[in-house]
Amino acid sequence: MKFIKAVFVFIGLVFCVAGVGVSLHIAEEPLTVLERYGNRSSTAVPVIFMERQGNRMMLDVTLETERAGTARFAVSLPHPLPQDEKLPVLLVLGGLGMGEENLRYLPDAGANVLVGYDWPFPPKLPKGARALFSELPALHRDAHRVPAQIEAGMEWLTRQSYIDQNRISLLGFSLGTLVGPAVQNFLTHRGYKISATVMGYGGAPIGTLVAAHPRVEPDRIRKPAGFAVNLLLWHLDPVRHLPQIESGRFLLLTGADDRLIPQEAAERYINLAPDPKQVLVFDGDHMGVGQHQMELLDEIIAASRDWLVAERAINPPPPPPPQDAQPEE
């Protein structure tokens, strides 16, 4: 009997310690947590590779940061650079792993600098609960490094003579909508001005999206997985950061029949976004780059570009080349 009581006392203590730990974890201010990975001096030295792509120059930029690990970016510039003209910046946080892959779907870039960010996560998550559990510390660390890594890229980029520091905008799709608010809040806190933001197909909190995702199997683990993700990514979640963003204009895109983002999560994301904001609802399912999704993607890209141009956040695309005159019959 005494042994059973001791066991229950021990279990109670474990739960108490865990509860205190969770309470202390979620009590910390999100920006305070993200600041631990921030760079306090301009120590990031870039390694740059250049490649000519038609009328664009693609830079592959690698930065070894002070506390946030290795940050990688693809930077697309007009070639040649305009003389005596500073260019606006569009930071692209897409759903694909590599920054250059995400920039590929943004045609007619014009006199703008496009920046694609390479996510620090492995291409495929480890299979099996045990393997995934063993990788959680690294995944947690890498996720929380993202805002500081992007800050390192912006720190390098804004030192370039051709950059207009008053025209920096943010374009987030899919995965980018989940981390984008934390990135914008962090950059603003560090002194950068984000003039316009487009977020496409976002939802909040992140755990709700995990719990509703069809690839999370079996069904019985969805709610516990969502709860765990909410705790792990507490300080990155859009719920924490959207209400703190104090400047900029927002365009929010959502799907009428999105099977990946529950309607209540999409509505919460939109309601939390600061004013002024505009909401566009597209017909169809979740956006993507599959063959059957390209028509929707083209509509989304066109609407995003038109809004950014109207807000004077980016320069308009170049006019189409003149068509050859048809000979008279």
C-alpha atoms as a PDB file:
ATOM      1  CA  MET A   1       0.000   0.000   0.000  1.00  0.00           C
ATOM      2  CA  LYS A   2       2.802   2.394   0.879  1.00  0.00           C
ATOM      3  CA  PHE A   3       4.484   1.558  -2.433  1.00  0.00           C
ATOM      4  CA  ILE A   4       1.314   2.382  -4.389  1.00  0.00           C
ATOM      5  CA  LYS A   5       0.965   5.676  -2.528  1.00  0.00           C
ATOM      6  CA  ALA A   6       4.605   6.478  -3.278  1.00  0.00           C
ATOM      7  CA  VAL A   7       4.033   5.775  -6.957  1.00  0.00           C
ATOM      8  CA  PHE A   8       1.045   8.113  -7.069  1.00  0.00           C
ATOM      9  CA  VAL A   9       2.984  10.790  -5.189  1.00  0.00           C
ATOM     10  CA  PHE A  10       5.851  10.445  -7.672  1.00  0.00           C
ATOM     11  CA  ILE A  11       3.488  10.712 -10.659  1.00  0.00           C
ATOM     12  CA  GLY A  12       1.856  13.754  -9.079  1.00  0.00           C
ATOM     13  CA  LEU A  13       5.243  15.410  -8.627  1.00  0.00           C
ATOM     14  CA  VAL A  14       6.166  14.682 -12.237  1.00  0.00           C
ATOM     15  CA  PHE A  15       2.963  16.316 -13.439  1.00  0.00           C
ATOM     16  CA  CYS A  16       3.525  19.290 -11.137  1.00  0.00           C
ATOM     17  CA  VAL A  17       7.077  19.793 -12.412  1.00  0.00           C
ATOM     18  CA  ALA A  18       5.889  19.431 -16.002  1.00  0.00           C
ATOM     19  CA  GLY A  19       3.086  21.896 -15.380  1.00  0.00           C
ATOM     20  CA  VAL A  20       5.471  24.444 -13.879  1.00  0.00           C
ATOM     21  CA  GLY A  21       7.832  23.966 -16.822  1.00  0.00           C
ATOM     22  CA  VAL A  22       5.052  24.488 -19.353  1.00  0.00           C
ATOM     23  CA  SER A  23       3.802  27.551 -17.464  1.00  0.00           C
ATOM     24  CA  LEU A  24       7.260  29.109 -17.437  1.00  0.00           C
ATOM     25  CA  HIS A  25       7.703  28.233 -21.116  1.00  0.00           C
ATOM     26  CA  ILE A  26       4.527  29.927 -22.328  1.00  0.00           C
ATOM     27  CA  ALA A  27       4.931  32.874 -19.953  1.00  0.00           C
ATOM     28  CA  GLU A  28       8.004  34.161 -21.793  1.00  0.00           C
ATOM     29  CA  GLU A  29       7.442  36.939 -24.291  1.00  0.00           C
ATOM     30  CA  PRO A  30       7.749  35.603 -27.867  1.00  0.00           C
ATOM     31  CA  LEU A  31      10.188  38.301 -28.976  1.00  0.00           C
ATOM     32  CA  THR A  32      12.340  37.667 -25.904  1.00  0.00           C
ATOM     33  CA  VAL A  33      12.683  34.025 -26.925  1.00  0.00           C
ATOM     34  CA  LEU A  34      13.465  34.873 -30.564  1.00  0.00           C
ATOM     35  CA  GLU A  35      16.012  37.495 -29.500  1.00  0.00           C
ATOM     36  CA  ARG A  36      18.244  34.693 -28.152  1.00  0.00           C
ATOM     37  CA  TYR A  37      19.101  33.855 -31.742  1.00  0.00           C
ATOM     38  CA  GLY A  38      19.436  37.455 -32.917  1.00  0.00           C
ATOM     39  CA  ASN A  39      22.663  38.949 -34.192  1.00  0.00           C
ATOM     40  CA  ARG A  40      23.966  41.803 -32.083  1.00  0.00           C
ATOM     41  CA  SER A  41      26.654  42.876 -34.518  1.00  0.00           C
ATOM     42  CA  SER A  42      27.253  42.796 -38.259  1.00  0.00           C
ATOM     43  CA  THR A  43      29.474  39.722 -38.188  1.00  0.00           C
ATOM     44  CA  ALA A  44      27.782  37.706 -40.932  1.00  0.00           C
ATOM     45  CA  VAL A  45      30.184  37.409 -43.874  1.00  0.00           C
ATOM     46  CA  PRO A  46      28.440  36.384 -47.107  1.00  0.00           C
ATOM     47  CA  VAL A  47      29.571  33.715 -49.516  1.00  0.00           C
ATOM     48  CA  ILE A  48      28.041  34.593 -52.883  1.00  0.00           C
ATOM     49  CA  PHE A  49      27.719  32.699 -56.159  1.00  0.00           C
ATOM     50  CA  MET A  50      26.268  34.472 -59.196  1.00  0.00           C
ATOM     51  CA  GLU A  51      24.430  33.059 -62.192  1.00  0.00           C
ATOM     52  CA  ARG A  52      23.016  34.944 -65.176  1.00  0.00           C
ATOM     53  CA  GLN A  53      19.412  34.004 -65.992  1.00  0.00           C
ATOM     54  CA  GLY A  54      18.245  35.986 -69.008  1.00  0.00           C
ATOM     55  CA  ASN A  55      17.633  39.574 -67.915  1.00  0.00           C
ATOM     56  CA  ARG A  56      18.085  38.625 -64.248  1.00  0.00           C
ATOM     57  CA  MET A  57      21.103  37.870 -62.077  1.00  0.00           C
ATOM     58  CA  MET A  58      20.634  35.182 -59.420  1.00  0.00           C
ATOM     59  CA  LEU A  59      22.799  35.372 -56.309  1.00  0.00           C
ATOM     60  CA  ASP A  60      23.180  32.356 -54.029  1.00  0.00           C
ATOM     61  CA  VAL A  61      23.991  33.968 -50.664  1.00  0.00           C
ATOM     62  CA  THR A  62      25.199  32.014 -47.617  1.00  0.00           C
ATOM     63  CA  LEU A  63      25.636  33.732 -44.250  1.00  0.00           C
ATOM     64  CA  GLU A  64      27.291  32.189 -41.204  1.00  0.00           C
ATOM     65  CA  THR A  65      25.537  34.039 -38.407  1.00  0.00           C
ATOM     66  CA  GLU A  66      26.620  34.664 -34.874  1.00  0.00           C
ATOM     67  CA  ARG A  67      23.902  32.683 -33.088  1.00  0.00           C
ATOM     68  CA  ALA A  68      21.369  31.553 -35.668  1.00  0.00           C
ATOM     69  CA  GLY A  69      23.436  29.078 -37.667  1.00  0.00           C
ATOM     70  CA  THR A  70      23.803  29.100 -41.444  1.00  0.00           C
ATOM     71  CA  ALA A  71      21.305  31.183 -43.411  1.00  0.00           C
ATOM     72  CA  ARG A  72      20.857  30.747 -47.159  1.00  0.00           C
ATOM     73  CA  PHE A  73      19.037  32.948 -49.640  1.00  0.00           C
ATOM     74  CA  ALA A  74      18.434  33.257 -53.359  1.00  0.00           C
ATOM     75  CA  VAL A  75      18.483  36.895 -54.492  1.00  0.00           C
ATOM     76  CA  SER A  76      17.162  37.775 -57.949  1.00  0.00           C
ATOM     77  CA  LEU A  77      18.276  41.128 -59.383  1.00  0.00           C
ATOM     78  CA  PRO A  78      17.523  42.867 -62.669  1.00  0.00           C
ATOM     79  CA  HIS A  79      20.495  42.723 -65.013  1.00  0.00           C
ATOM     80  CA  PRO A  80      21.934  45.168 -65.571  1.00  0.00           C
ATOM     81  CA  LEU A  81      21.080  47.099 -62.423  1.00  0.00           C
ATOM     82  CA  PRO A  82      19.369  50.449 -63.120  1.00  0.00           C
ATOM     83  CA  GLN A  83      21.651  53.438 -62.773  1.00  0.00           C
ATOM     84  CA  ASP A  84      20.855  55.929 -59.980  1.00  0.00           C
ATOM     85  CA  GLU A  85      17.707  54.072 -58.911  1.00  0.00           C
ATOM     86  CA  LYS A  86      17.093  52.267 -55.661  1.00  0.00           C
ATOM     87  CA  LEU A  87      15.055  49.079 -55.929  1.00  0.00           C
ATOM     88  CA  PRO A  88      12.253  47.757 -53.701  1.00  0.00           C
ATOM     89  CA  VAL A  89      12.647  44.372 -52.015  1.00  0.00           C
ATOM     90  CA  LEU A  90      10.117  41.541 -51.996  1.00  0.00           C
ATOM     91  CA  LEU A  91      10.951  38.889 -49.389  1.00  0.00           C
ATOM     92  CA  VAL A  92       9.338  35.586 -50.400  1.00  0.00           C
ATOM     93  CA  LEU A  93       8.553  32.904 -47.821  1.00  0.00           C
ATOM     94  CA  GLY A  94       7.094  30.044 -49.842  1.00  0.00           C
ATOM     95  CA  GLY A  95       6.044  26.495 -49.188  1.00  0.00           C
ATOM     96  CA  LEU A  96       8.939  24.900 -51.055  1.00  0.00           C
ATOM     97  CA  GLY A  97      12.225  24.104 -49.363  1.00  0.00           C
ATOM     98  CA  MET A  98      14.601  26.186 -51.467  1.00  0.00           C
ATOM     99  CA  GLY A  99      14.332  29.930 -51.966  1.00  0.00           C
ATOM    100  CA  GLU A 100      15.143  29.743 -55.677  1.00  0.00           C
ATOM    101  CA  GLU A 101      12.331  27.228 -56.182  1.00  0.00           C
ATOM    102  CA  ASN A 102       9.835  29.681 -54.718  1.00  0.00           C
ATOM    103  CA  LEU A 103      11.103  32.557 -56.873  1.00  0.00           C
ATOM    104  CA  ARG A 104      10.603  30.432 -59.993  1.00  0.00           C
ATOM    105  CA  TYR A 105       6.840  31.003 -59.788  1.00  0.00           C
ATOM    106  CA  LEU A 106       7.150  34.812 -59.807  1.00  0.00           C
ATOM    107  CA  PRO A 107       7.543  35.835 -63.460  1.00  0.00           C
ATOM    108  CA  ASP A 108       8.048  39.337 -64.840  1.00  0.00           C
ATOM    109  CA  ALA A 109       9.945  40.501 -61.762  1.00  0.00           C
ATOM    110  CA  GLY A 110      10.817  43.867 -63.300  1.00  0.00           C
ATOM    111  CA  ALA A 111      12.892  46.469 -61.455  1.00  0.00           C
ATOM    112  CA  ASN A 112      12.572  44.726 -58.098  1.00  0.00           C
ATOM    113  CA  VAL A 113      14.822  42.633 -55.888  1.00  0.00           C
ATOM    114  CA  LEU A 114      13.312  39.252 -55.032  1.00  0.00           C
ATOM    115  CA  VAL A 115      14.642  37.344 -52.033  1.00  0.00           C
ATOM    116  CA  GLY A 116      13.848  33.672 -51.495  1.00  0.00           C
ATOM    117  CA  TYR A 117      14.702  32.034 -48.175  1.00  0.00           C
ATOM    118  CA  ASP A 118      15.963  28.462 -47.847  1.00  0.00           C
ATOM    119  CA  TRP A 119      14.102  26.819 -44.970  1.00  0.00           C
ATOM    120  CA  PRO A 120      16.530  25.148 -42.520  1.00  0.00           C
ATOM    121  CA  PHE A 121      14.414  22.011 -42.134  1.00  0.00           C
ATOM    122  CA  PRO A 122      15.232  18.597 -43.641  1.00  0.00           C
ATOM    123  CA  PRO A 123      13.411  17.805 -46.923  1.00  0.00           C
ATOM    124  CA  LYS A 124      11.602  14.921 -45.230  1.00  0.00           C
ATOM    125  CA  LEU A 125      10.786  14.468 -41.573  1.00  0.00           C
ATOM    126  CA  PRO A 126      12.038  11.237 -39.986  1.00  0.00           C
ATOM    127  CA  LYS A 127       9.550   8.383 -40.066  1.00  0.00           C
ATOM    128  CA  GLY A 128       8.290   6.807 -36.894  1.00  0.00           C
ATOM    129  CA  ALA A 129       7.447   8.318 -33.532  1.00  0.00           C
ATOM    130  CA  ARG A 130      10.792   7.422 -31.951  1.00  0.00           C
ATOM    131  CA  ALA A 131      12.862   8.898 -34.792  1.00  0.00           C
ATOM    132  CA  LEU A 132      10.722  12.030 -34.876  1.00  0.00           C
ATOM    133  CA  PHE A 133      10.927  12.448 -31.097  1.00  0.00           C
ATOM    134  CA  SER A 134      14.723  12.238 -31.220  1.00  0.00           C
ATOM    135  CA  GLU A 135      14.795  15.069 -33.810  1.00  0.00           C
ATOM    136  CA  LEU A 136      12.419  17.395 -31.935  1.00  0.00           C
ATOM    137  CA  PRO A 137      15.150  19.448 -30.201  1.00  0.00           C
ATOM    138  CA  ALA A 138      16.864  20.187 -33.524  1.00  0.00           C
ATOM    139  CA  LEU A 139      13.559  20.963 -35.277  1.00  0.00           C
ATOM    140  CA  HIS A 140      12.529  23.259 -32.406  1.00  0.00           C
ATOM    141  CA  ARG A 141      15.883  25.078 -32.541  1.00  0.00           C
ATOM    142  CA  ASP A 142      15.844  25.453 -36.333  1.00  0.00           C
ATOM    143  CA  ALA A 143      12.270  26.773 -36.349  1.00  0.00           C
ATOM    144  CA  HIS A 144      13.066  29.429 -33.754  1.00  0.00           C
ATOM    145  CA  ARG A 145      16.185  30.468 -35.690  1.00  0.00           C
ATOM    146  CA  VAL A 146      14.180  31.447 -38.771  1.00  0.00           C
ATOM    147  CA  PRO A 147      13.411  35.104 -37.846  1.00  0.00           C
ATOM    148  CA  ALA A 148      17.042  35.766 -36.860  1.00  0.00           C
ATOM    149  CA  GLN A 149      18.347  34.106 -40.019  1.00  0.00           C
ATOM    150  CA  ILE A 150      16.092  36.289 -42.144  1.00  0.00           C
ATOM    151  CA  GLU A 151      17.211  39.336 -40.195  1.00  0.00           C
ATOM    152  CA  ALA A 152      20.819  38.445 -41.053  1.00  0.00           C
ATOM    153  CA  GLY A 153      19.860  38.352 -44.721  1.00  0.00           C
ATOM    154  CA  MET A 154      18.085  41.688 -44.505  1.00  0.00           C
ATOM    155  CA  GLU A 155      21.029  43.202 -42.649  1.00  0.00           C
ATOM    156  CA  TRP A 156      23.341  42.217 -45.499  1.00  0.00           C
ATOM    157  CA  LEU A 157      20.879  43.196 -48.224  1.00  0.00           C
ATOM    158  CA  THR A 158      20.056  46.659 -46.884  1.00  0.00           C
ATOM    159  CA  ARG A 159      23.750  47.535 -46.891  1.00  0.00           C
ATOM    160  CA  GLN A 160      23.761  47.276 -50.688  1.00  0.00           C
ATOM    161  CA  SER A 161      23.681  50.630 -52.447  1.00  0.00           C
ATOM    162  CA  TYR A 162      20.846  49.658 -54.827  1.00  0.00           C
ATOM    163  CA  ILE A 163      18.280  48.823 -52.094  1.00  0.00           C
ATOM    164  CA  ASP A 164      15.369  51.112 -51.175  1.00  0.00           C
ATOM    165  CA  GLN A 165      15.061  50.518 -47.428  1.00  0.00           C
ATOM    166  CA  ASN A 166      11.642  52.206 -47.347  1.00  0.00           C
ATOM    167  CA  ARG A 167      10.091  49.713 -49.769  1.00  0.00           C
ATOM    168  CA  ILE A 168      10.483  46.269 -48.225  1.00  0.00           C
ATOM    169  CA  SER A 169       7.495  43.944 -48.531  1.00  0.00           C
ATOM    170  CA  LEU A 170       6.762  40.381 -47.493  1.00  0.00           C
ATOM    171  CA  LEU A 171       5.043  37.645 -49.490  1.00  0.00           C
ATOM    172  CA  GLY A 172       4.148  34.457 -47.603  1.00  0.00           C
ATOM    173  CA  PHE A 173       2.430  31.354 -48.929  1.00  0.00           C
ATOM    174  CA  SER A 174       1.623  28.057 -47.208  1.00  0.00           C
ATOM    175  CA  LEU A 175       4.467  27.416 -44.714  1.00  0.00           C
ATOM    176  CA  GLY A 176       5.453  31.060 -45.063  1.00  0.00           C
ATOM    177  CA  THR A 177       2.131  32.206 -43.587  1.00  0.00           C
ATOM    178  CA  LEU A 178       2.818  30.262 -40.381  1.00  0.00           C
ATOM    179  CA  VAL A 179       6.202  31.874 -39.672  1.00  0.00           C
ATOM    180  CA  GLY A 180       5.675  35.118 -41.605  1.00  0.00           C
ATOM    181  CA  PRO A 181       3.994  37.051 -38.757  1.00  0.00           C
ATOM    182  CA  ALA A 182       6.839  36.145 -36.366  1.00  0.00           C
ATOM    183  CA  VAL A 183       9.369  37.218 -39.009  1.00  0.00           C
ATOM    184  CA  GLN A 184       7.627  40.547 -39.611  1.00  0.00           C
ATOM    185  CA  ASN A 185       7.180  41.261 -35.910  1.00  0.00           C
ATOM    186  CA  PHE A 186      10.826  40.399 -35.251  1.00  0.00           C
ATOM    187  CA  LEU A 187      12.134  42.504 -38.154  1.00  0.00           C
ATOM    188  CA  THR A 188       9.982  45.464 -37.118  1.00  0.00           C
ATOM    189  CA  HIS A 189      11.214  45.104 -33.543  1.00  0.00           C
ATOM    190  CA  ARG A 190      14.784  45.175 -34.875  1.00  0.00           C
ATOM    191  CA  GLY A 191      14.197  48.413 -36.785  1.00  0.00           C
ATOM    192  CA  TYR A 192      13.210  47.279 -40.295  1.00  0.00           C
ATOM    193  CA  LYS A 193      10.130  48.714 -41.984  1.00  0.00           C
ATOM    194  CA  ILE A 194       7.818  46.266 -43.772  1.00  0.00           C
ATOM    195  CA  SER A 195       5.554  48.453 -45.866  1.00  0.00           C
ATOM    196  CA  ALA A 196       3.197  45.805 -47.284  1.00  0.00           C
ATOM    197  CA  THR A 197       2.459  42.143 -46.561  1.00  0.00           C
ATOM    198  CA  VAL A 198       0.683  39.423 -48.533  1.00  0.00           C
ATOM    199  CA  MET A 199      -0.205  36.219 -46.678  1.00  0.00           C
ATOM    200  CA  GLY A 200      -1.828  33.427 -48.672  1.00  0.00           C
ATOM    201  CA  TYR A 201      -3.758  30.507 -47.201  1.00  0.00           C
ATOM    202  CA  GLY A 202      -2.810  30.885 -43.562  1.00  0.00           C
ATOM    203  CA  GLY A 203      -4.477  29.639 -40.402  1.00  0.00           C
ATOM    204  CA  ALA A 204      -3.972  29.820 -36.664  1.00  0.00           C
ATOM    205  CA  PRO A 205      -3.018  28.391 -34.304  1.00  0.00           C
ATOM    206  CA  ILE A 206      -0.530  26.042 -35.972  1.00  0.00           C
ATOM    207  CA  GLY A 207      -1.631  23.092 -33.833  1.00  0.00           C
ATOM    208  CA  THR A 208      -5.143  23.335 -35.252  1.00  0.00           C
ATOM    209  CA  LEU A 209      -3.742  22.890 -38.755  1.00  0.00           C
ATOM    210  CA  VAL A 210      -1.714  19.866 -37.666  1.00  0.00           C
ATOM    211  CA  ALA A 211      -4.736  18.284 -35.995  1.00  0.00           C
ATOM    212  CA  ALA A 212      -6.786  18.727 -39.183  1.00  0.00           C
ATOM    213  CA  HIS A 213      -4.133  17.633 -41.666  1.00  0.00           C
ATOM    214  CA  PRO A 214      -5.054  14.450 -43.563  1.00  0.00           C
ATOM    215  CA  ARG A 215      -1.453  13.196 -43.557  1.00  0.00           C
ATOM    216  CA  VAL A 216      -1.328  13.037 -39.768  1.00  0.00           C
ATOM    217  CA  GLU A 217      -2.176   9.396 -39.122  1.00  0.00           C
ATOM    218  CA  PRO A 218      -3.706   7.555 -37.405  1.00  0.00           C
ATOM    219  CA  ASP A 219      -6.636   9.808 -36.570  1.00  0.00           C
ATOM    220  CA  ARG A 220      -6.324   9.232 -32.832  1.00  0.00           C
ATOM    221  CA  ILE A 221      -2.991  11.076 -32.634  1.00  0.00           C
ATOM    222  CA  ARG A 222      -4.181  14.243 -34.399  1.00  0.00           C
ATOM    223  CA  LYS A 223      -5.418  16.160 -31.363  1.00  0.00           C
ATOM    224  CA  PRO A 224      -2.416  15.190 -29.163  1.00  0.00           C
ATOM    225  CA  ALA A 225      -0.087  16.107 -32.056  1.00  0.00           C
ATOM    226  CA  GLY A 226      -1.799  19.477 -32.453  1.00  0.00           C
ATOM    227  CA  PHE A 227      -1.517  20.144 -28.724  1.00  0.00           C
ATOM    228  CA  ALA A 228       2.191  19.237 -28.750  1.00  0.00           C
ATOM    229  CA  VAL A 229       2.889  21.467 -31.764  1.00  0.00           C
ATOM    230  CA  ASN A 230       1.115  24.393 -30.095  1.00  0.00           C
ATOM    231  CA  LEU A 231       3.457  24.048 -27.128  1.00  0.00           C
ATOM    232  CA  LEU A 232       6.613  23.515 -29.190  1.00  0.00           C
ATOM    233  CA  LEU A 233       5.923  26.471 -31.485  1.00  0.00           C
ATOM    234  CA  TRP A 234       4.195  28.668 -28.915  1.00  0.00           C
ATOM    235  CA  HIS A 235       6.571  31.585 -29.441  1.00  0.00           C
ATOM    236  CA  LEU A 236       6.395  31.395 -33.248  1.00  0.00           C
ATOM    237  CA  ASP A 237       2.646  31.011 -33.650  1.00  0.00           C
ATOM    238  CA  PRO A 238       0.753  33.669 -35.650  1.00  0.00           C
ATOM    239  CA  VAL A 239      -1.617  34.013 -32.680  1.00  0.00           C
ATOM    240  CA  ARG A 240       1.261  35.525 -30.681  1.00  0.00           C
ATOM    241  CA  HIS A 241       2.602  37.854 -33.378  1.00  0.00           C
ATOM    242  CA  LEU A 242      -0.201  39.123 -35.613  1.00  0.00           C
ATOM    243  CA  PRO A 243      -1.725  41.341 -32.877  1.00  0.00           C
ATOM    244  CA  GLN A 244       1.714  42.836 -32.124  1.00  0.00           C
ATOM    245  CA  ILE A 245       2.438  44.062 -35.649  1.00  0.00           C
ATOM    246  CA  GLU A 246       1.970  47.819 -35.533  1.00  0.00           C
ATOM    247  CA  SER A 247       2.668  48.989 -39.071  1.00  0.00           C
ATOM    248  CA  GLY A 248       2.183  48.028 -42.694  1.00  0.00           C
ATOM    249  CA  ARG A 249      -0.757  47.046 -44.896  1.00  0.00           C
ATOM    250  CA  PHE A 250      -2.045  43.507 -45.340  1.00  0.00           C
ATOM    251  CA  LEU A 251      -3.542  41.483 -48.174  1.00  0.00           C
ATOM    252  CA  LEU A 252      -4.909  38.139 -46.937  1.00  0.00           C
ATOM    253  CA  LEU A 253      -5.744  35.361 -49.390  1.00  0.00           C
ATOM    254  CA  THR A 254      -7.858  32.325 -48.626  1.00  0.00           C
ATOM    255  CA  GLY A 255      -9.628  29.483 -50.418  1.00  0.00           C
ATOM    256  CA  ALA A 256     -13.376  28.943 -50.452  1.00  0.00           C
ATOM    257  CA  ASP A 257     -13.013  25.145 -50.285  1.00  0.00           C
ATOM    258  CA  ASP A 258      -9.618  24.728 -48.591  1.00  0.00           C
ATOM    259  CA  ARG A 259      -9.343  21.175 -47.263  1.00  0.00           C
ATOM    260  CA  LEU A 260      -6.069  21.788 -45.410  1.00  0.00           C
ATOM    261  CA  ILE A 261      -6.931  24.971 -43.496  1.00  0.00           C
ATOM    262  CA  PRO A 262     -10.076  24.669 -41.328  1.00  0.00           C
ATOM    263  CA  GLN A 263     -12.420  27.596 -41.807  1.00  0.00           C
ATOM    264  CA  GLU A 264     -12.263  28.644 -38.150  1.00  0.00           C
ATOM    265  CA  ALA A 265      -8.440  28.689 -38.307  1.00  0.00           C
ATOM    266  CA  ALA A 266      -8.461  30.794 -41.490  1.00  0.00           C
ATOM    267  CA  GLU A 267     -10.966  33.224 -39.976  1.00  0.00           C
ATOM    268  CA  ARG A 268      -8.947  33.557 -36.799  1.00  0.00           C
ATOM    269  CA  TYR A 269      -5.814  34.343 -38.805  1.00  0.00           C
ATOM    270  CA  ILE A 270      -7.667  37.025 -40.768  1.00  0.00           C
ATOM    271  CA  ASN A 271      -9.284  38.545 -37.669  1.00  0.00           C
ATOM    272  CA  LEU A 272      -5.952  38.743 -35.838  1.00  0.00           C
ATOM    273  CA  ALA A 273      -4.173  40.516 -38.709  1.00  0.00           C
ATOM    274  CA  PRO A 274      -3.881  44.257 -38.077  1.00  0.00           C
ATOM    275  CA  ASP A 275      -5.648  46.941 -40.062  1.00  0.00           C
ATOM    276  CA  PRO A 276      -5.566  48.185 -42.745  1.00  0.00           C
ATOM    277  CA  LYS A 277      -6.193  44.855 -44.467  1.00  0.00           C
ATOM    278  CA  GLN A 278      -7.934  43.483 -47.512  1.00  0.00           C
ATOM    279  CA  VAL A 279      -9.222  39.909 -47.918  1.00  0.00           C
ATOM    280  CA  LEU A 280      -9.535  38.006 -51.204  1.00  0.00           C
ATOM    281  CA  VAL A 281     -11.309  34.634 -51.373  1.00  0.00           C
ATOM    282  CA  PHE A 282     -10.420  32.367 -54.284  1.00  0.00           C
ATOM    283  CA  ASP A 283     -12.533  29.517 -55.563  1.00  0.00           C
ATOM    284  CA  GLY A 284     -11.194  26.010 -55.087  1.00  0.00           C
ATOM    285  CA  ASP A 285      -8.957  24.083 -52.724  1.00  0.00           C
ATOM    286  CA  HIS A 286      -5.591  24.853 -51.115  1.00  0.00           C
ATOM    287  CA  MET A 287      -2.977  26.475 -53.338  1.00  0.00           C
ATOM    288  CA  GLY A 288       0.001  24.508 -54.600  1.00  0.00           C
ATOM    289  CA  VAL A 289       2.369  23.928 -57.511  1.00  0.00           C
ATOM    290  CA  GLY A 290       0.874  20.691 -58.842  1.00  0.00           C
ATOM    291  CA  GLN A 291      -0.104  20.528 -62.494  1.00  0.00           C
ATOM    292  CA  HIS A 292      -3.819  20.802 -61.695  1.00  0.00           C
ATOM    293  CA  GLN A 293      -3.171  23.795 -59.389  1.00  0.00           C
ATOM    294  CA  MET A 294      -1.227  26.053 -61.759  1.00  0.00           C
ATOM    295  CA  GLU A 295      -4.224  28.048 -62.992  1.00  0.00           C
ATOM    296  CA  LEU A 296      -5.163  28.959 -59.416  1.00  0.00           C
ATOM    297  CA  LEU A 297      -1.523  29.763 -58.603  1.00  0.00           C
ATOM    298  CA  ASP A 298      -1.313  32.119 -61.594  1.00  0.00           C
ATOM    299  CA  GLU A 299      -4.439  33.946 -60.354  1.00  0.00           C
ATOM    300  CA  ILE A 300      -2.987  34.242 -56.841  1.00  0.00           C
ATOM    301  CA  ILE A 301       0.373  35.547 -58.078  1.00  0.00           C
ATOM    302  CA  ALA A 302      -1.322  38.077 -60.391  1.00  0.00           C
ATOM    303  CA  ALA A 303      -3.620  39.360 -57.614  1.00  0.00           C
ATOM    304  CA  SER A 304      -0.710  39.641 -55.181  1.00  0.00           C
ATOM    305  CA  ARG A 305       1.467  41.482 -57.690  1.00  0.00           C
ATOM    306  CA  ASP A 306      -1.329  43.896 -58.673  1.00  0.00           C
ATOM    307  CA  TRP A 307      -2.018  44.733 -55.022  1.00  0.00           C
ATOM    308  CA  LEU A 308       1.671  45.291 -54.240  1.00  0.00           C
ATOM    309  CA  VAL A 309       2.013  47.554 -57.279  1.00  0.00           C
ATOM    310  CA  ALA A 310      -1.121  49.503 -56.302  1.00  0.00           C
ATOM    311  CA  GLU A 311       0.306  49.957 -52.802  1.00  0.00           C
ATOM    312  CA  ARG A 312       3.572  51.204 -54.376  1.00  0.00           C
ATOM    313  CA  ALA A 313       5.411  48.471 -52.512  1.00  0.00           C
ATOM    314  CA  ILE A 314       7.027  47.145 -55.704  1.00  0.00           C
ATOM    315  CA  ASN A 315       7.612  48.471 -59.197  1.00  0.00           C
ATOM    316  CA  PRO A 316       5.239  47.300 -61.938  1.00  0.00           C
ATOM    317  CA  PRO A 317       6.307  44.492 -64.271  1.00  0.00           C
ATOM    318  CA  PRO A 318       7.839  45.452 -67.603  1.00  0.00           C
ATOM    319  CA  PRO A 319       5.404  46.007 -70.476  1.00  0.00           C
ATOM    320  CA  PRO A 320       4.974  43.080 -72.857  1.00  0.00           C
ATOM    321  CA  PRO A 321       7.181  43.188 -75.940  1.00  0.00           C
ATOM    322  CA  PRO A 322       5.497  44.765 -78.961  1.00  0.00           C
ATOM    323  CA  GLN A 323       3.951  42.292 -81.336  1.00  0.00           C
ATOM    324  CA  ASP A 324       5.248  42.274 -84.851  1.00  0.00           C
ATOM    325  CA  ALA A 325       2.927  44.096 -87.211  1.00  0.00           C
ATOM    326  CA  GLN A 326       0.918  41.727 -89.367  1.00  0.00           C
ATOM    327  CA  PRO A 327       1.459  42.209 -93.093  1.00  0.00           C
ATOM    328  CA  GLU A 328      -1.537  43.551 -94.961  1.00  0.00           C
ATOM    329  CA  GLU A 329      -3.236  41.118 -97.301  1.00  0.00           C
END
